[in-house]
Amino acid sequence: MTTRTPDTQSATHDRVYRALRSRIMHGEIAPGQALTLRGIGKEFDVSMTPAREAVRRLVAEGALFLSSSGRVSTPELSNDRIEELAALRALLEVELASRALPRAHMALIDRLQSINMSVAEMVTKRDAVGYIRANLEFHRTLYLRAQAPAMLAMAETVWLQLGPTMRALYGRLRRTEPPHYHKLIIAALKAGDEPGLRLAVRSDVTQGLRLLVS
């Protein structure tokens, strides 16, 4: 039997954590879906310890819910919780976009247009997970220009908590085209229009979520 050093154990735990985090953020796991340490360990071919550590980390980030009986699942968000997270997205992401605007060069705008084509492709394919992944890449690419890592990390934690809910939302929206507000975001960046950019980002990150609580 291979003896794992502390460094190896840490790397193993980090691998499991990152893989689960990505799945949750991109809506690959439905709201309220149960996960077991045994199942995680078997899938990633790891012992219970790194599986437990990865789950503990994700519970601390609000990506997973641990019941009093020890059941681990993705959260099923209440209307109040969805509204709270939508409000956080509006606050954080509008500010990130505003800070990114002075650093928005044509290469960034070209990159956002390219990503938006990927978003459109995922809509055509009716690929919910691909759509969520491309949509978040669009936002992350813009916000990286803000050079505000603490704020971006907070936004990503909100995306993580919303991931399973976004998958449910996509099923309800039945999208036939990419988000209209992405085009407005790109147009505002081209024009250097900060009020227009703030409005477009706020609308983009809140409009869909409002459908879930209406």
Foldseek 3Di string as FASTA:
>chain_A
DDDADPVRLVVLLVVLLVVVLLCLLLQVFAAFDWDDLVNSCVVSVHDSVSSVVSQVVCVVLLLWPQDPVGIIGGHDDDLVRLVVLLVLQLVLLLVLLLLLLVVDDVVLLVVLVVLQVQLFVCLQVVPSSSNSVSVVVSSVSSSVSSVPVVSVVVNSSSSSSCRNVSSVLSVVVSDNGGDPLSVQCSVCSVVSPSVSNSVSSSCVSRVSSVVVND
